[in-house]
Structure formats: C-alpha cells, structure tokens
C-alpha cells in the first residue's frame, strides 16, 4: 500500500516531533521531511514531492500563508493543511484564499489531524467545526452587505456594471446602452464609489458573486 507522504512545516521542533510521532503510528501515513519556515518549505516541497503539507502560519521569515500561496502557484494540485494556534476568521480566510485545503487549530485532537490528512489527500476540504461556522457567518454577512450595496445602484448603473463585468469595452457599452463613452466613464466612477472598488477585476468578482454573469459556455 502506498503511504501518504507528509511534509511538516513548523518553526517549533517540539511541535514537529509531536506531529511526527502521531503520524508515525499510522499505517497509511509517512512523514518524509520537515521544514522550519516558509522558504525551507518551498525547497523541501520541490525536493521531496510530498502528497500533503502540514503548514504552520506564524513562522520567522516567510509565513505559512505566503508559503502556501507560492506552493500552489508552482503546483496547483498540491494539498496543504494548515495547522496553527490562530483560530480566528482573518487567518483562516487568508489561508483558504492562498489555496489551503484544510484549516485546523493546534488544540484539535490527534484523530482530527490524522483524519484531516486523509481527507485533503483524497482531494476534499476540511475545516474544524468552529472554523466552518465562522466561514459561513462571514459569507452570509458578505452576501447581506453585497445586497445592500447593490440596492444603492441605479438601474442604469446595474446595466453598466453587468456589461463591464462581461468584458465589454467602453465603446461597446456606450453603443449597447445608447449613451456616450463619457457617460459610461461617469457611471463607472459612480459604481466604483458606491461599491468601494478601485478596478475592473473587483467589479468582475462582485458580479460573479452576485450571479450577474458567469463564464459557462
């Protein structure tokens, strides 16, 4: 049976020793290496090709969130499980945005960790129960906030927002809406101001989140 190859990334040797001991008694998991900071994690990932990386967040030099982001840029399929003392929403959201497949606090039980390694290895995601609740609360709040902001847009601004998010040029929008390019720019400025955005990428993400557009054929 092929074992799940795990790389441990944590700046505390005692923590790595404890995790190694826990995983070492599992028949289907093998610790193939360790790293004490983000830079070393990048190098060891390339050298050892682990199946799952258990990543701490707070480390000297490159932190775990940045290391996760860079590893995923190099290999989008790499599985990263964040294990950290920080169990607040901000750190969790940053880690997930960076590409982490799972997020556990260090106070979790040993069985939670071993189960999480297997889950992310299979390609699924895992969150500690309290973290899952925080994530749901965040997106429910964001959805409510988005709705309030969207209601502030005029019908014409909603039309311009949709056309802009679809990738239409200023000239194309002007022709479609029967207005001048200058008026299009004016509407865009108004939309940006009401939504608190600064560029078109933010508008596209917002429009996708609102269900105004999709990229399906």
Protein backbone atom coordinates (compact mmCIF):
# COMPACT_ATOMS: atom_id res chain seq x y z
CA UNK A 1 0.00 0.00 0.00
CA UNK A 2 1.31 3.43 -0.96
CA UNK A 3 1.54 5.70 2.06
CA UNK A 4 0.52 9.36 2.15
CA UNK A 5 3.77 11.34 2.10
CA UNK A 6 3.64 14.28 4.52
CA UNK A 7 5.91 17.31 4.92
CA UNK A 8 5.80 19.04 8.33
CA UNK A 9 6.30 22.82 8.36
CA UNK A 10 6.55 24.47 11.78
CA UNK A 11 9.21 26.63 13.44
CA UNK A 12 8.94 24.73 16.74
CA UNK A 13 10.92 21.49 16.81
CA UNK A 14 8.85 20.12 19.70
CA UNK A 15 5.66 20.58 17.70
CA UNK A 16 7.19 18.81 14.70
CA UNK A 17 8.37 15.99 16.93
CA UNK A 18 4.90 15.55 18.37
CA UNK A 19 3.21 15.52 14.98
CA UNK A 20 5.82 13.13 13.59
CA UNK A 21 5.23 10.75 16.50
CA UNK A 22 1.45 10.91 15.98
CA UNK A 23 1.62 10.31 12.25
CA UNK A 24 4.33 7.69 12.63
CA UNK A 25 1.92 5.20 14.20
CA UNK A 26 -0.49 5.47 11.26
CA UNK A 27 -0.22 2.59 8.79
CA UNK A 28 -1.08 4.74 5.78
CA UNK A 29 0.92 7.94 6.53
CA UNK A 30 4.65 8.63 6.31
CA UNK A 31 6.49 11.82 7.29
CA UNK A 32 9.08 12.36 4.56
CA UNK A 33 10.55 15.66 5.76
CA UNK A 34 10.41 18.76 7.92
CA UNK A 35 10.85 22.50 7.43
CA UNK A 36 11.08 25.33 9.96
CA UNK A 37 9.99 28.26 7.79
CA UNK A 38 8.30 29.13 4.51
CA UNK A 39 11.44 29.32 2.41
CA UNK A 40 12.54 25.88 3.53
CA UNK A 41 9.03 24.58 2.90
CA UNK A 42 9.25 25.67 -0.75
CA UNK A 43 12.60 23.93 -1.20
CA UNK A 44 11.53 20.73 0.59
CA UNK A 45 8.31 20.58 -1.42
CA UNK A 46 10.29 20.57 -4.67
CA UNK A 47 12.85 18.11 -3.30
CA UNK A 48 10.54 15.60 -1.61
CA UNK A 49 7.26 15.93 -3.57
CA UNK A 50 5.00 15.32 -0.55
CA UNK A 51 1.35 14.44 -1.02
CA UNK A 52 0.22 16.62 1.89
CA UNK A 53 1.94 19.58 3.55
CA UNK A 54 1.02 20.37 7.15
CA UNK A 55 1.66 24.11 7.37
CA UNK A 56 2.00 26.42 10.35
CA UNK A 57 1.16 30.12 9.83
CA UNK A 58 3.33 32.17 12.21
CA UNK A 59 6.96 31.48 11.35
CA UNK A 60 10.08 33.68 11.05
CA UNK A 61 10.79 34.96 7.55
CA UNK A 62 8.18 33.75 5.08
CA UNK A 63 4.95 32.91 6.90
CA UNK A 64 2.70 29.96 6.18
CA UNK A 65 0.11 31.89 4.19
CA UNK A 66 2.71 33.23 1.75
CA UNK A 67 4.39 29.81 1.53
CA UNK A 68 1.00 28.24 0.76
CA UNK A 69 0.36 30.81 -1.97
CA UNK A 70 3.72 30.20 -3.63
CA UNK A 71 3.50 26.43 -3.42
CA UNK A 72 0.04 26.50 -5.03
CA UNK A 73 1.32 28.80 -7.76
CA UNK A 74 4.06 26.30 -8.58
CA UNK A 75 1.82 23.24 -8.23
CA UNK A 76 -1.94 23.96 -8.06
CA UNK A 77 -2.67 20.33 -7.22
CA UNK A 78 -0.56 20.28 -4.06
CA UNK A 79 -2.56 19.58 -0.88
CA UNK A 80 -1.89 21.90 2.06
CA UNK A 81 -3.37 21.50 5.51
CA UNK A 82 -2.92 24.50 7.81
CA UNK A 83 -2.33 23.61 11.47
CA UNK A 84 -1.98 26.72 13.62
CA UNK A 85 -2.56 28.28 17.01
CA UNK A 86 -4.56 31.03 15.29
CA UNK A 87 -8.21 30.06 15.06
CA UNK A 88 -9.69 33.45 14.16
CA UNK A 89 -11.54 34.20 10.94
CA UNK A 90 -8.97 36.52 9.36
CA UNK A 91 -6.15 33.97 9.35
CA UNK A 92 -8.47 31.23 8.15
CA UNK A 93 -9.78 33.29 5.23
CA UNK A 94 -6.24 34.31 4.24
CA UNK A 95 -5.10 30.67 4.26
CA UNK A 96 -8.08 29.48 2.21
CA UNK A 97 -7.61 32.31 -0.27
CA UNK A 98 -3.96 31.30 -0.60
CA UNK A 99 -5.04 27.77 -1.54
CA UNK A 100 -5.13 25.72 1.65
CA UNK A 101 -7.33 22.61 1.50
CA UNK A 102 -7.90 22.49 5.24
CA UNK A 103 -7.56 24.52 8.43
CA UNK A 104 -7.19 23.13 11.94
CA UNK A 105 -6.25 24.78 15.25
CA UNK A 106 -3.43 23.15 17.19
CA UNK A 107 -5.86 22.48 20.02
CA UNK A 108 -7.62 19.91 17.81
CA UNK A 109 -7.44 16.25 18.76
CA UNK A 110 -4.83 13.97 17.22
CA UNK A 111 -7.55 12.00 15.47
CA UNK A 112 -8.79 15.25 13.90
CA UNK A 113 -5.36 15.80 12.39
CA UNK A 114 -4.89 12.28 11.04
CA UNK A 115 -8.40 12.29 9.59
CA UNK A 116 -7.75 15.71 8.02
CA UNK A 117 -4.58 14.47 6.33
CA UNK A 118 -6.53 11.66 4.71
CA UNK A 119 -9.38 13.96 3.70
CA UNK A 120 -7.23 16.55 1.92
CA UNK A 121 -5.17 13.77 0.33
CA UNK A 122 -8.38 12.48 -1.29
CA UNK A 123 -8.98 15.92 -2.74
CA UNK A 124 -11.63 17.08 -0.30
CA UNK A 125 -11.55 20.04 2.08
CA UNK A 126 -11.73 20.10 5.85
CA UNK A 127 -12.43 22.77 8.45
CA UNK A 128 -12.59 22.49 12.22
CA UNK A 129 -16.26 22.88 13.31
CA UNK A 130 -15.78 26.33 14.86
CA UNK A 131 -13.91 27.46 11.76
CA UNK A 132 -16.67 26.22 9.47
CA UNK A 133 -19.20 28.24 11.45
CA UNK A 134 -17.02 31.35 11.18
CA UNK A 135 -16.70 30.86 7.42
CA UNK A 136 -20.46 30.53 6.97
CA UNK A 137 -21.06 33.63 9.09
CA UNK A 138 -18.52 35.56 7.01
CA UNK A 139 -20.12 34.75 3.68
CA UNK A 140 -23.64 35.31 4.96
CA UNK A 141 -22.55 38.73 6.19
CA UNK A 142 -20.80 39.43 2.89
CA UNK A 143 -23.88 38.41 0.92
CA UNK A 144 -26.05 40.70 3.03
CA UNK A 145 -23.56 43.53 2.61
CA UNK A 146 -23.43 42.99 -1.14
CA UNK A 147 -27.20 43.11 -1.35
CA UNK A 148 -27.35 46.40 0.50
CA UNK A 149 -24.71 47.94 -1.78
CA UNK A 150 -26.32 46.61 -4.94
CA UNK A 151 -29.64 48.20 -3.93
CA UNK A 152 -27.88 51.56 -3.95
CA UNK A 153 -27.10 51.29 -7.66
CA UNK A 154 -29.47 52.87 -10.17
CA UNK A 155 -30.95 50.67 -12.93
CA UNK A 156 -28.54 52.27 -15.42
CA UNK A 157 -25.55 51.62 -13.12
CA UNK A 158 -26.58 47.98 -12.78
CA UNK A 159 -26.69 47.71 -16.56
CA UNK A 160 -23.22 49.28 -16.90
CA UNK A 161 -21.87 47.03 -14.14
CA UNK A 162 -23.09 43.89 -15.94
CA UNK A 163 -21.72 44.99 -19.33
CA UNK A 164 -18.38 45.97 -17.80
CA UNK A 165 -18.08 42.63 -16.00
CA UNK A 166 -18.84 40.81 -19.26
CA UNK A 167 -15.69 42.34 -20.72
CA UNK A 168 -17.30 44.93 -22.97
CA UNK A 169 -15.16 47.91 -23.95
CA UNK A 170 -16.24 51.44 -23.14
CA UNK A 171 -17.26 51.98 -26.77
CA UNK A 172 -19.27 48.73 -26.86
CA UNK A 173 -21.08 49.64 -23.64
CA UNK A 174 -21.86 53.10 -24.99
CA UNK A 175 -23.37 51.59 -28.14
CA UNK A 176 -25.35 48.96 -26.24
CA UNK A 177 -26.75 51.48 -23.74
CA UNK A 178 -27.23 54.28 -26.30
CA UNK A 179 -25.09 56.72 -24.32
CA UNK A 180 -21.75 58.43 -24.89
CA UNK A 181 -18.40 56.91 -23.80
CA UNK A 182 -18.00 59.88 -21.46
CA UNK A 183 -21.27 58.96 -19.75
CA UNK A 184 -20.07 55.36 -19.43
CA UNK A 185 -16.96 56.57 -17.61
CA UNK A 186 -19.15 58.68 -15.33
CA UNK A 187 -21.39 55.73 -14.49
CA UNK A 188 -18.36 53.50 -13.83
CA UNK A 189 -16.95 56.08 -11.41
CA UNK A 190 -20.28 56.16 -9.60
CA UNK A 191 -20.41 52.36 -9.39
CA UNK A 192 -16.85 52.18 -8.05
CA UNK A 193 -17.64 54.79 -5.44
CA UNK A 194 -20.79 53.09 -4.19
CA UNK A 195 -19.25 49.62 -4.06
CA UNK A 196 -15.90 50.77 -2.72
CA UNK A 197 -13.92 49.21 -5.57
CA UNK A 198 -10.85 50.51 -7.38
CA UNK A 199 -10.51 48.39 -10.51
CA UNK A 200 -12.37 46.27 -13.04
CA UNK A 201 -11.19 42.97 -11.54
CA UNK A 202 -13.05 43.77 -8.34
CA UNK A 203 -16.18 44.54 -10.36
CA UNK A 204 -15.97 41.20 -12.18
CA UNK A 205 -15.58 39.26 -8.92
CA UNK A 206 -18.52 41.16 -7.44
CA UNK A 207 -20.69 40.48 -10.48
CA UNK A 208 -19.85 36.77 -10.31
CA UNK A 209 -20.66 36.66 -6.62
CA UNK A 210 -23.98 38.39 -7.28
CA UNK A 211 -24.78 35.96 -10.10
CA UNK A 212 -24.96 38.75 -12.68
CA UNK A 213 -22.60 36.94 -15.05
CA UNK A 214 -20.99 33.51 -15.46
CA UNK A 215 -18.21 32.05 -17.55
CA UNK A 216 -20.04 28.93 -18.65
CA UNK A 217 -20.42 28.32 -22.36
